Amino acid sequence: MTTEATPLFAVLAREIRADGPIGLDRYMALCLGHPLHGYYATRDPFGRGGDFVTAPEISQMFGELIGAWAAAVLSMMAPGERPCLVELGPGRGTLMADALRALRAAGAEFDLHLVETSPSLRRIQAERLIDAMPTFHDSVASLPDAPMLVIANEFFDALPARQFVRTGRGWCERRVGLTVEGDALAFGLDPEPDPRLTAEAPEGAVLTLPSQGLTVLRDLGPRLVARCGALLVIDYGGDRPGYGDTFQAVAGHRYADPLSRPGEADLTLHVDFGALARAAAAEGMAVHGPVTQRDFLLSLGLAARAERLQVRATPDQARAIETAIHRLTDPDPRGMGALFKVLCTSHPALTPLPALPPPS
């Protein structure tokens, strides 16, 4: 395995030589968020011309249905107080631009807040959503003290996490270091196991702890409970406990070696919805789901929305709508309809919620 001499590789190599191998969370944080050489700081990665396509880029119907769902939930929140609609990691603003049409049609009133760290994406979002006058934040910590509905579509999968590998000695943390020659990155393990991890698993099993994701949820949780709010998470991942290495890189719509081009490829991990649900419950939040993206979108009326769009569509447009429906709801285990899950954590009084089961 080789590592390209990207600008970020020099940064990583200096840190590793000075302080020793770094955890996966630190590696992801630098690769994705370094202010000069990080992946999101230097490019627009979305769409056909980027590295990957998200659901909002596939069809306007996705964002419109999320907007209709959000309008219904906002109407359930504390009357007399102007709520905030928050999106975490808004990409190019596509989801919110489509959602705003449905929100305005429903007469919803709110202040729009966007949590985004990428300067280049902020510029795109600000231009696309100029009529909504969004307020930008570097993190959830600066969000206002108000009733909030938070939307996180493909946000948690890119948050730094820690990984541990089961060895004969116990669970040892996975580290990123340098090869003997010093010209490439390589995975290694801490020599001593973490005594706090005691789960039984076969040797070689990989355990992922969504450290930053849990931090975000624990920061939001108390405020959502105190101010009658909710968090909607849409992402790919599992809803059952298990061990496996889902750390991956994507560049040019293809999977890549996550150590080969630091700062030049997207890095993600499957979201552990069970861990998020447990953390939310510990903060006093009600947990709705997770359900599959397929079930969620169909319950919100995806088929009916498609029929309305097809009435005025050309034959080519009608075929594109059918293709979009299939991609968004594909029930194959590797398709978006099944692989992507939808979870909502909310104030216990916000129930029932559209297209989601009662709190578990």
Protein backbone atom coordinates (compact mmCIF):
# COMPACT_ATOMS: atom_id res chain seq x y z
CA MET A 1 0.00 0.00 0.00
CA THR A 2 1.29 3.44 -0.95
CA THR A 3 0.28 6.88 0.23
CA GLU A 4 0.24 9.84 -2.12
CA ALA A 5 2.31 12.82 -1.00
CA THR A 6 -0.73 15.05 -0.62
CA PRO A 7 -0.38 18.33 1.30
CA LEU A 8 -2.13 16.73 4.27
CA PHE A 9 0.23 13.75 4.31
CA ALA A 10 3.07 16.08 5.33
CA VAL A 11 0.92 17.41 8.20
CA LEU A 12 0.06 13.88 9.35
CA ALA A 13 3.65 12.66 9.09
CA ARG A 14 4.95 15.53 11.22
CA GLU A 15 2.39 14.88 13.94
CA ILE A 16 2.98 11.12 13.96
CA ARG A 17 6.76 11.54 14.11
CA ALA A 18 6.42 14.01 16.99
CA ASP A 19 3.70 12.32 19.07
CA GLY A 20 3.33 8.77 17.81
CA PRO A 21 0.50 7.04 15.94
CA ILE A 22 -2.86 8.77 16.08
CA GLY A 23 -6.36 7.39 16.69
CA LEU A 24 -8.82 6.95 13.86
CA ASP A 25 -10.85 9.85 15.23
CA ARG A 26 -7.88 12.20 14.93
CA TYR A 27 -7.09 10.91 11.44
CA MET A 28 -10.67 11.49 10.26
CA ALA A 29 -10.80 14.93 11.86
CA LEU A 30 -7.66 16.07 10.04
CA CYS A 31 -8.52 14.46 6.70
CA LEU A 32 -12.01 15.92 6.60
CA GLY A 33 -11.69 19.13 8.56
CA HIS A 34 -8.12 20.51 8.36
CA PRO A 35 -8.62 24.24 7.67
CA LEU A 36 -6.18 24.31 4.73
CA HIS A 37 -5.89 20.77 3.39
CA GLY A 38 -9.02 19.02 4.67
CA TYR A 39 -11.41 17.34 2.25
CA TYR A 40 -14.41 19.57 2.98
CA ALA A 41 -12.36 22.74 3.20
CA THR A 42 -11.06 22.47 -0.36
CA ARG A 43 -13.91 21.24 -2.58
CA ASP A 44 -17.56 20.72 -3.37
CA PRO A 45 -17.76 16.91 -3.20
CA PHE A 46 -21.43 16.47 -4.07
CA GLY A 47 -23.16 15.40 -7.26
CA ARG A 48 -21.99 13.82 -10.48
CA GLY A 49 -19.00 16.12 -10.75
CA GLY A 50 -17.90 15.37 -7.19
CA ASP A 51 -17.18 12.17 -5.32
CA PHE A 52 -20.62 10.98 -4.25
CA VAL A 53 -24.35 11.62 -4.66
CA THR A 54 -26.69 12.04 -1.70
CA ALA A 55 -30.45 11.51 -1.67
CA PRO A 56 -31.33 15.22 -2.11
CA GLU A 57 -29.22 15.27 -5.30
CA ILE A 58 -31.10 12.27 -6.69
CA SER A 59 -34.53 13.89 -6.66
CA GLN A 60 -36.32 17.01 -5.45
CA MET A 61 -38.94 14.68 -3.97
CA PHE A 62 -36.63 13.72 -1.11
CA GLY A 63 -36.25 17.26 0.20
CA GLU A 64 -39.90 18.11 -0.42
CA LEU A 65 -41.07 15.15 1.68
CA ILE A 66 -38.62 16.06 4.46
CA GLY A 67 -40.02 19.60 4.31
CA ALA A 68 -43.59 18.35 4.63
CA TRP A 69 -42.55 16.17 7.58
CA ALA A 70 -40.75 19.11 9.21
CA ALA A 71 -43.79 21.37 8.76
CA ALA A 72 -45.96 18.85 10.60
CA VAL A 73 -43.49 18.52 13.47
CA LEU A 74 -42.95 22.27 13.78
CA SER A 75 -46.72 22.69 14.16
CA MET A 76 -46.58 20.35 17.18
CA MET A 77 -43.93 22.39 19.00
CA ALA A 78 -44.51 25.01 21.69
CA PRO A 79 -47.10 27.53 20.46
CA GLY A 80 -46.25 31.19 20.89
CA GLU A 81 -42.48 30.68 20.48
CA ARG A 82 -40.80 30.99 17.11
CA PRO A 83 -38.90 27.73 16.55
CA CYS A 84 -35.60 27.14 14.81
CA LEU A 85 -35.13 24.77 11.90
CA VAL A 86 -31.57 23.48 11.95
CA GLU A 87 -29.67 21.42 9.41
CA LEU A 88 -26.38 19.76 10.28
CA GLY A 89 -23.97 19.49 7.36
CA PRO A 90 -26.27 20.96 4.68
CA GLY A 91 -24.07 20.03 1.69
CA ARG A 92 -24.93 22.32 -1.21
CA GLY A 93 -28.21 23.35 0.40
CA THR A 94 -30.17 21.09 -1.95
CA LEU A 95 -32.24 19.35 0.71
CA MET A 96 -33.15 22.61 2.42
CA ALA A 97 -33.95 24.41 -0.83
CA ASP A 98 -36.44 21.68 -1.72
CA ALA A 99 -37.75 21.43 1.85
CA LEU A 100 -38.41 25.17 1.98
CA ARG A 101 -40.96 24.89 -0.82
CA ALA A 102 -43.03 22.43 1.21
CA LEU A 103 -42.52 24.37 4.43
CA ARG A 104 -43.71 27.61 2.87
CA ALA A 105 -46.68 25.91 1.24
CA ALA A 106 -47.68 24.70 4.71
CA GLY A 107 -47.29 28.19 6.17
CA ALA A 108 -44.56 27.12 8.60
CA GLU A 109 -42.71 29.90 10.42
CA PHE A 110 -39.19 29.45 11.76
CA ASP A 111 -35.65 30.79 11.79
CA LEU A 112 -33.17 28.81 9.71
CA HIS A 113 -29.82 27.79 11.20
CA LEU A 114 -27.10 25.81 9.43
CA VAL A 115 -24.17 24.02 11.10
CA GLU A 116 -21.36 23.97 8.54
CA THR A 117 -17.57 24.13 8.93
CA SER A 118 -16.58 24.25 5.24
CA PRO A 119 -16.06 27.82 3.95
CA SER A 120 -16.61 26.72 0.33
CA LEU A 121 -19.88 24.96 1.12
CA ARG A 122 -21.06 27.87 3.26
CA ARG A 123 -20.75 30.15 0.24
CA ILE A 124 -22.84 27.79 -1.87
CA GLN A 125 -25.46 27.41 0.88
CA ALA A 126 -25.67 31.15 1.51
CA GLU A 127 -26.29 31.87 -2.17
CA ARG A 128 -28.80 29.07 -2.66
CA LEU A 129 -30.78 29.82 0.50
CA ILE A 130 -30.45 33.60 0.48
CA ASP A 131 -34.21 34.17 0.73
CA ALA A 132 -34.33 32.18 3.99
CA MET A 133 -31.54 34.30 5.56
CA PRO A 134 -29.77 31.41 7.33
CA THR A 135 -27.56 31.87 10.37
CA PHE A 136 -24.36 29.81 10.24
CA HIS A 137 -22.68 27.95 13.09
CA ASP A 138 -19.40 26.08 13.41
CA SER A 139 -20.94 23.55 15.80
CA VAL A 140 -24.15 22.74 17.63
CA ALA A 141 -22.77 24.46 20.74
CA SER A 142 -23.71 27.93 19.46
CA LEU A 143 -27.28 27.10 18.42
CA PRO A 144 -29.84 29.39 20.12
CA ASP A 145 -31.84 28.60 23.23
CA ALA A 146 -35.15 27.99 21.48
CA PRO A 147 -37.43 25.15 20.37
CA MET A 148 -35.48 23.36 17.63
CA LEU A 149 -36.11 20.83 14.91
CA VAL A 150 -32.73 19.47 13.78
CA ILE A 151 -32.26 17.59 10.51
CA ALA A 152 -29.11 15.52 9.91
CA ASN A 153 -28.98 13.83 6.51
CA GLU A 154 -25.72 11.92 5.94
CA PHE A 155 -24.05 13.86 8.74
CA PHE A 156 -23.25 11.33 11.44
CA ASP A 157 -21.44 8.95 9.06
CA ALA A 158 -18.66 11.50 8.53
CA LEU A 159 -18.06 12.29 12.20
CA PRO A 160 -14.76 11.05 13.65
CA ALA A 161 -14.98 7.78 15.57
CA ARG A 162 -12.65 5.44 17.44
CA GLN A 163 -12.04 1.82 16.51
CA PHE A 164 -10.83 -1.10 18.60
CA VAL A 165 -9.72 -4.57 17.50
CA ARG A 166 -10.18 -7.65 19.66
CA THR A 167 -6.84 -9.35 20.34
CA GLY A 168 -5.71 -12.07 22.69
CA ARG A 169 -4.91 -9.34 25.19
CA GLY A 170 -8.28 -7.56 24.90
CA TRP A 171 -9.64 -4.59 22.92
CA CYS A 172 -6.71 -2.57 21.53
CA GLU A 173 -7.31 0.79 19.87
CA ARG A 174 -6.63 1.07 16.16
CA ARG A 175 -4.01 3.66 15.27
CA VAL A 176 -2.70 5.30 12.12
CA GLY A 177 1.08 5.50 11.95
CA LEU A 178 3.92 5.45 9.43
CA THR A 179 5.64 2.55 7.73
CA VAL A 180 9.26 1.78 8.64
CA GLU A 181 10.38 3.75 5.59
CA GLY A 182 8.26 6.72 6.72
CA ASP A 183 6.80 7.35 3.27
CA ALA A 184 3.34 5.82 3.75
CA LEU A 185 0.58 5.53 6.32
CA ALA A 186 -0.25 2.22 7.95
CA PHE A 187 -2.69 0.83 10.50
CA GLY A 188 -1.46 -0.48 13.82
CA LEU A 189 -2.75 -1.23 17.32
CA ASP A 190 -2.03 0.08 20.79
CA PRO A 191 0.15 -2.46 22.60
CA GLU A 192 -2.07 -2.38 25.68
CA PRO A 193 -5.83 -3.04 25.65
CA ASP A 194 -8.41 -0.57 26.94
CA PRO A 195 -9.59 -2.00 30.30
CA ARG A 196 -12.98 -0.29 29.98
CA LEU A 197 -13.98 -2.52 27.06
CA THR A 198 -14.99 -5.98 28.19
CA ALA A 199 -17.40 -7.24 25.50
CA GLU A 200 -16.85 -10.79 24.33
CA ALA A 201 -16.00 -11.21 20.64
CA PRO A 202 -13.73 -13.38 18.49
CA GLU A 203 -10.17 -12.23 17.85
CA GLY A 204 -9.99 -9.84 14.93
CA ALA A 205 -13.45 -8.37 15.58
CA VAL A 206 -13.63 -4.59 15.07
CA LEU A 207 -15.60 -2.37 17.44
CA THR A 208 -16.45 1.19 16.42
CA LEU A 209 -17.28 3.79 19.05
CA PRO A 210 -19.00 6.84 17.47
CA SER A 211 -17.27 9.24 19.84
CA GLN A 212 -18.03 12.56 18.16
CA GLY A 213 -21.52 11.49 17.13
CA LEU A 214 -22.37 10.72 20.74
CA THR A 215 -20.90 14.06 21.79
CA VAL A 216 -23.18 15.88 19.33
CA LEU A 217 -26.22 13.95 20.53
CA ARG A 218 -25.44 14.53 24.21
CA ASP A 219 -25.02 18.25 23.51
CA LEU A 220 -28.33 18.49 21.66
CA GLY A 221 -30.31 16.10 23.85
CA PRO A 222 -30.78 18.19 27.00
CA ARG A 223 -31.71 21.26 24.95
CA LEU A 224 -34.23 19.37 22.84
CA VAL A 225 -35.83 17.95 25.98
CA ALA A 226 -35.86 21.31 27.75
CA ARG A 227 -37.31 23.21 24.77
CA CYS A 228 -39.59 20.57 23.23
CA GLY A 229 -37.47 19.82 20.17
CA ALA A 230 -36.54 16.93 17.92
CA LEU A 231 -33.63 15.52 15.91
CA LEU A 232 -34.16 13.63 12.63
CA VAL A 233 -31.24 11.44 11.55
CA ILE A 234 -31.10 9.91 8.05
CA ASP A 235 -27.98 7.93 7.29
CA TYR A 236 -26.62 4.55 6.33
CA GLY A 237 -25.84 2.02 9.00
CA GLY A 238 -27.18 -0.73 11.18
CA ASP A 239 -29.83 -0.93 13.86
CA ARG A 240 -28.54 -4.11 15.51
CA PRO A 241 -25.39 -4.72 17.57
CA GLY A 242 -22.47 -6.21 15.70
CA TYR A 243 -18.78 -6.07 14.94
CA GLY A 244 -17.27 -5.16 11.62
CA ASP A 245 -14.98 -2.68 9.92
CA THR A 246 -17.09 -0.19 7.93
CA PHE A 247 -14.40 2.49 7.65
CA GLN A 248 -14.24 3.48 3.99
CA ALA A 249 -13.10 6.13 1.54
CA VAL A 250 -14.83 7.33 -1.61
CA ALA A 251 -13.31 9.39 -4.42
CA GLY A 252 -14.74 9.92 -7.89
CA HIS A 253 -17.76 7.73 -7.05
CA ARG A 254 -15.46 4.77 -6.37
CA TYR A 255 -14.28 3.14 -3.17
CA ALA A 256 -10.65 3.86 -2.33
CA ASP A 257 -8.05 2.91 0.25
CA PRO A 258 -8.73 5.23 3.22
CA LEU A 259 -4.99 5.73 3.80
CA SER A 260 -3.90 6.28 0.19
CA ARG A 261 -4.93 9.91 -0.43
CA PRO A 262 -5.32 11.76 2.88
CA GLY A 263 -7.37 14.91 2.44
CA GLU A 264 -8.38 13.97 -1.11
CA ALA A 265 -11.15 11.42 -0.42
CA ASP A 266 -14.29 11.30 1.68
CA LEU A 267 -14.04 9.16 4.82
CA THR A 268 -17.09 7.61 6.47
CA LEU A 269 -18.28 4.89 8.82
CA HIS A 270 -21.65 3.19 9.04
CA VAL A 271 -23.77 4.84 11.71
CA ASP A 272 -24.51 2.82 14.84
CA PHE A 273 -28.18 3.71 15.27
CA GLY A 274 -28.43 1.58 18.38
CA ALA A 275 -25.71 3.61 20.10
CA LEU A 276 -27.42 6.88 19.13
CA ALA A 277 -30.77 5.62 20.38
CA ARG A 278 -29.32 4.53 23.73
CA ALA A 279 -27.56 7.87 24.20
CA ALA A 280 -30.76 9.75 23.36
CA ALA A 281 -32.79 7.70 25.82
CA ALA A 282 -30.18 8.37 28.51
CA GLU A 283 -30.76 12.11 27.96
CA GLY A 284 -34.50 11.70 28.52
CA MET A 285 -35.50 11.78 24.87
CA ALA A 286 -38.16 9.64 23.23
CA VAL A 287 -36.79 7.40 20.47
CA HIS A 288 -38.79 6.81 17.28
CA GLY A 289 -37.38 4.09 15.03
CA PRO A 290 -35.14 3.50 13.30
CA VAL A 291 -37.09 2.55 10.20
CA THR A 292 -35.74 2.04 6.71
CA GLN A 293 -35.58 5.00 4.35
CA ARG A 294 -37.88 3.05 2.04
CA ASP A 295 -40.62 2.75 4.64
CA PHE A 296 -40.21 6.36 5.75
CA LEU A 297 -40.45 7.89 2.27
CA LEU A 298 -43.31 5.67 1.13
CA SER A 299 -45.22 6.48 4.32
CA LEU A 300 -44.75 10.18 3.61
CA GLY A 301 -46.35 9.79 0.18
CA LEU A 302 -43.41 9.41 -2.21
CA ALA A 303 -45.48 7.49 -4.76
CA ALA A 304 -48.26 10.10 -4.79
CA ARG A 305 -45.74 12.94 -5.12
CA ALA A 306 -44.12 11.16 -8.07
CA GLU A 307 -47.47 10.77 -9.79
CA ARG A 308 -48.15 14.49 -9.50
CA LEU A 309 -44.76 15.34 -10.98
CA GLN A 310 -45.23 12.88 -13.83
CA VAL A 311 -48.48 14.52 -14.96
CA ARG A 312 -46.49 17.39 -16.49
CA ALA A 313 -43.32 15.46 -17.22
CA THR A 314 -41.86 14.59 -20.60
CA PRO A 315 -41.25 10.88 -21.27
CA ASP A 316 -37.58 11.32 -20.36
CA GLN A 317 -38.48 13.19 -17.17
CA ALA A 318 -41.02 10.52 -16.24
CA ARG A 319 -38.37 7.82 -16.62
CA ALA A 320 -35.97 9.87 -14.47
CA ILE A 321 -38.63 10.10 -11.75
CA GLU A 322 -39.10 6.33 -11.81
CA THR A 323 -35.33 5.83 -11.62
CA ALA A 324 -35.14 8.20 -8.65
CA ILE A 325 -37.90 6.36 -6.80
CA HIS A 326 -36.09 3.07 -7.31
CA ARG A 327 -32.76 4.46 -6.05
CA LEU A 328 -34.30 6.05 -2.97
CA THR A 329 -36.39 3.00 -2.01
CA ASP A 330 -34.36 0.05 -3.36
CA PRO A 331 -35.06 -2.79 -0.87
CA ASP A 332 -31.84 -4.65 -1.67
CA PRO A 333 -29.70 -4.84 1.52
CA ARG A 334 -27.08 -2.72 -0.25
CA GLY A 335 -29.63 -0.30 -1.75
CA MET A 336 -30.50 3.08 -0.30
CA GLY A 337 -34.00 1.99 0.66
CA ALA A 338 -32.73 -0.66 3.09
CA LEU A 339 -29.19 0.42 3.97
CA PHE A 340 -30.30 3.93 4.95
CA LYS A 341 -32.24 4.26 8.19
CA VAL A 342 -34.33 7.04 9.72
CA LEU A 343 -34.26 7.74 13.46
CA CYS A 344 -35.95 10.55 15.36
CA THR A 345 -35.20 11.50 18.96
CA SER A 346 -37.55 14.02 20.52
CA HIS A 347 -39.18 15.54 23.56
CA PRO A 348 -41.56 12.86 24.89
CA ALA A 349 -44.56 15.11 24.23
CA LEU A 350 -43.92 15.16 20.47
CA THR A 351 -45.89 12.10 19.47
CA PRO A 352 -47.17 10.64 17.24
CA LEU A 353 -44.70 11.75 14.57
CA PRO A 354 -45.49 11.33 10.87
CA ALA A 355 -44.18 8.11 9.24
CA LEU A 356 -42.44 6.95 12.41
CA PRO A 357 -43.41 4.39 15.06
CA PRO A 358 -44.36 5.38 18.62
CA PRO A 359 -41.45 5.86 21.05
CA SER A 360 -39.72 2.63 21.98
